[in-house]
Amino acid sequence: MTVANSPSAKKRAKQAEKRRSHNASLRSMVRTYIKNVVKAIDAKDLDKAKTAYTAAVPVIDRMADKGIIHKNKAARHKSRLNTHIKALGVAAAA
């Protein structure tokens, strides 16, 4: 249901809805990639965590470039995940 009255406003409402659902899908994809890394870290599987992190980084960066997530949020996620993976490596070596 739209509250738009003019044809141009109706079109903009349709475009906005289409863009919103597309962006929601992309945001969900980023969260899934991050979750895969977190699951591997929780399972203490270093190889799987590194692989998942390597797959997640380009996706996170791409979404930051598109403005789906803020660039600082992308950097924060990458930094925190990498810190956990390094800690896992140190724990495995000790």
N, C-alpha and C. Protein backbone atom coordinates (compact mmCIF):
# COMPACT_ATOMS: atom_id res chain seq x y z
N MET A 1 0.83 -1.18 0.00
CA MET A 1 0.00 0.00 0.00
C MET A 1 0.88 1.25 0.00
N THR A 2 0.68 2.11 -0.96
CA THR A 2 1.44 3.34 -1.01
C THR A 2 0.53 4.53 -0.71
N VAL A 3 1.13 5.56 -0.16
CA VAL A 3 0.37 6.77 0.12
C VAL A 3 0.69 7.85 -0.91
N ALA A 4 1.43 7.44 -1.95
CA ALA A 4 1.82 8.39 -2.98
C ALA A 4 0.61 8.75 -3.84
N ASN A 5 0.55 10.03 -4.26
CA ASN A 5 -0.55 10.49 -5.09
C ASN A 5 -0.13 10.73 -6.54
N SER A 6 0.99 11.38 -6.75
CA SER A 6 1.42 11.67 -8.12
C SER A 6 2.09 10.43 -8.73
N PRO A 7 2.05 10.33 -10.05
CA PRO A 7 2.68 9.19 -10.71
C PRO A 7 4.17 9.08 -10.37
N SER A 8 4.87 10.22 -10.30
CA SER A 8 6.31 10.17 -10.01
C SER A 8 6.56 9.69 -8.58
N ALA A 9 5.68 10.07 -7.65
CA ALA A 9 5.83 9.62 -6.26
C ALA A 9 5.54 8.13 -6.15
N LYS A 10 4.57 7.65 -6.94
CA LYS A 10 4.28 6.21 -6.95
C LYS A 10 5.48 5.42 -7.47
N LYS A 11 6.09 5.95 -8.53
CA LYS A 11 7.26 5.28 -9.09
C LYS A 11 8.40 5.26 -8.08
N ARG A 12 8.65 6.40 -7.41
CA ARG A 12 9.72 6.47 -6.42
C ARG A 12 9.44 5.50 -5.27
N ALA A 13 8.20 5.35 -4.88
CA ALA A 13 7.85 4.42 -3.80
C ALA A 13 8.17 2.98 -4.22
N LYS A 14 7.84 2.65 -5.48
CA LYS A 14 8.15 1.31 -5.99
C LYS A 14 9.65 1.07 -6.03
N GLN A 15 10.39 2.09 -6.51
CA GLN A 15 11.85 1.97 -6.60
C GLN A 15 12.47 1.82 -5.21
N ALA A 16 11.97 2.58 -4.26
CA ALA A 16 12.50 2.53 -2.90
C ALA A 16 12.28 1.16 -2.28
N GLU A 17 11.11 0.59 -2.50
CA GLU A 17 10.80 -0.73 -1.96
C GLU A 17 11.70 -1.80 -2.58
N LYS A 18 11.88 -1.70 -3.90
CA LYS A 18 12.74 -2.65 -4.61
C LYS A 18 14.17 -2.56 -4.08
N ARG A 19 14.67 -1.35 -3.92
CA ARG A 19 16.03 -1.13 -3.41
C ARG A 19 16.16 -1.61 -1.97
N ARG A 20 15.13 -1.35 -1.15
CA ARG A 20 15.16 -1.77 0.26
C ARG A 20 15.29 -3.28 0.39
N SER A 21 14.50 -4.01 -0.40
CA SER A 21 14.54 -5.47 -0.30
C SER A 21 15.86 -6.02 -0.83
N HIS A 22 16.41 -5.39 -1.86
CA HIS A 22 17.70 -5.81 -2.40
C HIS A 22 18.81 -5.57 -1.38
N ASN A 23 18.79 -4.39 -0.76
CA ASN A 23 19.80 -4.06 0.24
C ASN A 23 19.69 -4.98 1.46
N ALA A 24 18.47 -5.33 1.84
CA ALA A 24 18.25 -6.23 2.97
C ALA A 24 18.87 -7.59 2.68
N SER A 25 18.74 -8.04 1.44
CA SER A 25 19.31 -9.32 1.03
C SER A 25 20.85 -9.28 1.12
N LEU A 26 21.43 -8.18 0.66
CA LEU A 26 22.88 -8.03 0.70
C LEU A 26 23.39 -7.96 2.15
N ARG A 27 22.65 -7.23 3.00
CA ARG A 27 23.04 -7.12 4.41
C ARG A 27 22.98 -8.48 5.08
N SER A 28 21.97 -9.26 4.73
CA SER A 28 21.82 -10.61 5.28
C SER A 28 23.00 -11.49 4.86
N MET A 29 23.43 -11.33 3.61
CA MET A 29 24.56 -12.11 3.11
C MET A 29 25.83 -11.81 3.91
N VAL A 30 26.07 -10.54 4.21
CA VAL A 30 27.24 -10.15 4.99
C VAL A 30 27.18 -10.81 6.36
N ARG A 31 26.01 -10.75 7.00
CA ARG A 31 25.86 -11.34 8.33
C ARG A 31 26.12 -12.84 8.30
N THR A 32 25.69 -13.51 7.23
CA THR A 32 25.89 -14.95 7.10
C THR A 32 27.38 -15.28 7.01
N TYR A 33 28.11 -14.51 6.20
CA TYR A 33 29.56 -14.74 6.08
C TYR A 33 30.25 -14.52 7.42
N ILE A 34 29.84 -13.49 8.14
CA ILE A 34 30.44 -13.21 9.45
C ILE A 34 30.12 -14.34 10.43
N LYS A 35 28.87 -14.83 10.38
CA LYS A 35 28.46 -15.92 11.26
C LYS A 35 29.26 -17.18 11.00
N ASN A 36 29.58 -17.45 9.73
CA ASN A 36 30.38 -18.63 9.39
C ASN A 36 31.75 -18.56 10.04
N VAL A 37 32.35 -17.38 10.06
CA VAL A 37 33.66 -17.21 10.71
C VAL A 37 33.51 -17.41 12.21
N VAL A 38 32.49 -16.82 12.81
CA VAL A 38 32.27 -16.92 14.25
C VAL A 38 32.05 -18.38 14.66
N LYS A 39 31.28 -19.12 13.86
CA LYS A 39 31.03 -20.53 14.17
C LYS A 39 32.32 -21.33 14.17
N ALA A 40 33.18 -21.07 13.19
CA ALA A 40 34.46 -21.78 13.10
C ALA A 40 35.35 -21.41 14.28
N ILE A 41 35.33 -20.15 14.69
CA ILE A 41 36.11 -19.72 15.85
C ILE A 41 35.60 -20.40 17.12
N ASP A 42 34.28 -20.43 17.29
CA ASP A 42 33.68 -21.08 18.46
C ASP A 42 33.98 -22.57 18.51
N ALA A 43 34.09 -23.19 17.33
CA ALA A 43 34.41 -24.61 17.25
C ALA A 43 35.91 -24.85 17.41
N LYS A 44 36.69 -23.76 17.54
CA LYS A 44 38.15 -23.81 17.67
C LYS A 44 38.81 -24.51 16.49
N ASP A 45 38.25 -24.32 15.31
CA ASP A 45 38.78 -24.90 14.08
C ASP A 45 39.53 -23.79 13.32
N LEU A 46 40.85 -23.76 13.50
CA LEU A 46 41.66 -22.67 12.95
C LEU A 46 41.63 -22.63 11.42
N ASP A 47 41.78 -23.80 10.79
CA ASP A 47 41.80 -23.83 9.31
C ASP A 47 40.46 -23.37 8.73
N LYS A 48 39.38 -23.86 9.31
CA LYS A 48 38.05 -23.48 8.83
C LYS A 48 37.80 -21.98 9.06
N ALA A 49 38.27 -21.47 10.20
CA ALA A 49 38.10 -20.06 10.52
C ALA A 49 38.86 -19.18 9.53
N LYS A 50 40.08 -19.58 9.21
CA LYS A 50 40.89 -18.80 8.25
C LYS A 50 40.24 -18.82 6.87
N THR A 51 39.75 -19.97 6.46
CA THR A 51 39.08 -20.09 5.16
C THR A 51 37.82 -19.23 5.11
N ALA A 52 37.03 -19.30 6.17
CA ALA A 52 35.79 -18.51 6.23
C ALA A 52 36.10 -17.02 6.25
N TYR A 53 37.16 -16.63 6.96
CA TYR A 53 37.56 -15.22 7.04
C TYR A 53 38.00 -14.73 5.66
N THR A 54 38.79 -15.54 4.97
CA THR A 54 39.26 -15.18 3.63
C THR A 54 38.09 -15.00 2.68
N ALA A 55 37.05 -15.80 2.83
CA ALA A 55 35.85 -15.67 1.99
C ALA A 55 35.03 -14.45 2.40
N ALA A 56 35.02 -14.12 3.69
CA ALA A 56 34.17 -13.03 4.18
C ALA A 56 34.72 -11.64 3.87
N VAL A 57 36.04 -11.48 3.89
CA VAL A 57 36.64 -10.15 3.73
C VAL A 57 36.22 -9.45 2.44
N PRO A 58 36.32 -10.09 1.26
CA PRO A 58 35.91 -9.37 0.05
C PRO A 58 34.42 -9.02 0.04
N VAL A 59 33.60 -9.86 0.63
CA VAL A 59 32.16 -9.59 0.69
C VAL A 59 31.89 -8.38 1.58
N ILE A 60 32.55 -8.35 2.74
CA ILE A 60 32.40 -7.22 3.66
C ILE A 60 32.85 -5.93 2.99
N ASP A 61 34.01 -5.98 2.34
CA ASP A 61 34.54 -4.78 1.66
C ASP A 61 33.61 -4.31 0.54
N ARG A 62 33.07 -5.26 -0.21
CA ARG A 62 32.19 -4.91 -1.33
C ARG A 62 30.92 -4.22 -0.83
N MET A 63 30.36 -4.72 0.26
CA MET A 63 29.15 -4.11 0.81
C MET A 63 29.45 -2.74 1.40
N ALA A 64 30.65 -2.55 1.94
CA ALA A 64 31.05 -1.23 2.45
C ALA A 64 31.19 -0.25 1.29
N ASP A 65 31.75 -0.70 0.18
CA ASP A 65 31.89 0.15 -1.01
C ASP A 65 30.53 0.57 -1.55
N LYS A 66 29.56 -0.35 -1.48
CA LYS A 66 28.22 -0.06 -2.00
C LYS A 66 27.40 0.77 -1.03
N GLY A 67 27.89 0.92 0.20
CA GLY A 67 27.16 1.70 1.19
C GLY A 67 26.10 0.89 1.92
N ILE A 68 26.13 -0.42 1.77
CA ILE A 68 25.17 -1.27 2.47
C ILE A 68 25.49 -1.25 3.98
N ILE A 69 26.78 -1.31 4.30
CA ILE A 69 27.22 -1.11 5.67
C ILE A 69 28.28 -0.01 5.66
N HIS A 70 28.47 0.66 6.77
CA HIS A 70 29.44 1.75 6.86
C HIS A 70 30.86 1.19 6.79
N LYS A 71 31.77 1.95 6.22
CA LYS A 71 33.15 1.46 6.06
C LYS A 71 33.83 1.21 7.40
N ASN A 72 33.50 2.00 8.42
CA ASN A 72 34.09 1.77 9.73
C ASN A 72 33.54 0.50 10.38
N LYS A 73 32.27 0.20 10.11
CA LYS A 73 31.68 -1.04 10.63
C LYS A 73 32.35 -2.23 9.97
N ALA A 74 32.62 -2.13 8.67
CA ALA A 74 33.29 -3.20 7.95
C ALA A 74 34.69 -3.42 8.53
N ALA A 75 35.41 -2.33 8.75
CA ALA A 75 36.76 -2.43 9.31
C ALA A 75 36.72 -3.04 10.71
N ARG A 76 35.73 -2.64 11.50
CA ARG A 76 35.61 -3.15 12.86
C ARG A 76 35.36 -4.67 12.86
N HIS A 77 34.46 -5.12 11.99
CA HIS A 77 34.18 -6.56 11.90
C HIS A 77 35.43 -7.33 11.49
N LYS A 78 36.11 -6.85 10.46
CA LYS A 78 37.31 -7.54 9.98
C LYS A 78 38.38 -7.60 11.07
N SER A 79 38.57 -6.49 11.77
CA SER A 79 39.58 -6.42 12.82
C SER A 79 39.28 -7.39 13.96
N ARG A 80 38.04 -7.38 14.40
CA ARG A 80 37.66 -8.25 15.54
C ARG A 80 37.74 -9.72 15.17
N LEU A 81 37.28 -10.07 13.98
CA LEU A 81 37.35 -11.46 13.55
C LEU A 81 38.81 -11.92 13.45
N ASN A 82 39.64 -11.05 12.85
CA ASN A 82 41.06 -11.38 12.69
C ASN A 82 41.74 -11.54 14.04
N THR A 83 41.39 -10.70 15.00
CA THR A 83 41.96 -10.80 16.35
C THR A 83 41.60 -12.13 16.99
N HIS A 84 40.34 -12.55 16.83
CA HIS A 84 39.92 -13.85 17.38
C HIS A 84 40.65 -15.01 16.71
N ILE A 85 40.85 -14.92 15.41
CA ILE A 85 41.54 -15.98 14.69
C ILE A 85 43.01 -16.06 15.14
N LYS A 86 43.64 -14.91 15.30
CA LYS A 86 45.04 -14.90 15.78
C LYS A 86 45.14 -15.48 17.17
N ALA A 87 44.18 -15.16 18.04
CA ALA A 87 44.17 -15.69 19.40
C ALA A 87 43.99 -17.20 19.37
N LEU A 88 43.18 -17.67 18.44
CA LEU A 88 42.96 -19.11 18.28
C LEU A 88 44.27 -19.79 17.86
N GLY A 89 45.00 -19.13 16.96
CA GLY A 89 46.29 -19.67 16.49
C GLY A 89 47.30 -19.73 17.62
N VAL A 90 47.34 -18.70 18.46
CA VAL A 90 48.26 -18.66 19.59
C VAL A 90 47.89 -19.75 20.59
N ALA A 91 46.60 -19.93 20.83
CA ALA A 91 46.12 -20.95 21.76
C ALA A 91 46.45 -22.36 21.24
N ALA A 92 46.36 -22.53 19.92
CA ALA A 92 46.66 -23.84 19.33
C ALA A 92 48.14 -24.14 19.40
N ALA A 93 48.97 -23.10 19.26
CA ALA A 93 50.42 -23.29 19.30
C ALA A 93 50.91 -23.55 20.71
N ALA A 94 50.21 -23.01 21.69
CA ALA A 94 50.66 -23.15 23.10
C ALA A 94 50.29 -24.49 23.69
